[in-house]
Amino acid sequence: MAAGFVFGILVFLTAMSGAVFKPGDWYLSLKKPSWTPPGWAFPLVWTVLYVMIGYSGWLIWSEQGFGLALVFWVLQLALNGAWSWLFFGMKRMDYALIDVCAMWLSIVAYIGAAWPVSTTAALLFLPYLAWVSVAAALNLSVWRLNPDEVPA
């Protein structure tokens, strides 16, 4: 039970990065691709994904304790939390793109490491991988559409 609480707190703290570093007027003023999801979709999707992320990590912990899969779980969580700060806080779309690509790789690595331990835990990360793929493409597109917005 205590482990579930710890996983919940870690995910909550990561989600708080998105609450602290919000899109704001700067993001609203940027050019975006036509396929950008509507603003209301982001908090809904992230809420569901964060629940799945936490549960997936807890499943791995309950099956094997701390191992390679949880190393990747912690890494993707740290990269996830850093993205909002880089993109919205620092307004560094370039650094945020590097971060989201590293996050994507860490998610793939987690899925691979989690699969033999808990197929359910690995499968819970597939929607997350899909959403981060969209986020990475959106990050790249917004950066390309707004080349003058990245500080020198």
Foldseek 3Di string as FASTA:
>chain_A
DVLLVVLLVLLVVLVVLCVVQDQPPVNVPFDFDPPDDDPVVVVVVSVLLSVLLSVLLVLLCVQPNDDDLVVLSSLLSVLSSVLSCCCRVVVALPVSLVSLVVSLVSLVSNLVVCCVRDVSSSVSCPVVSVVSVVVNVRSVRRCVRCVVRHDD
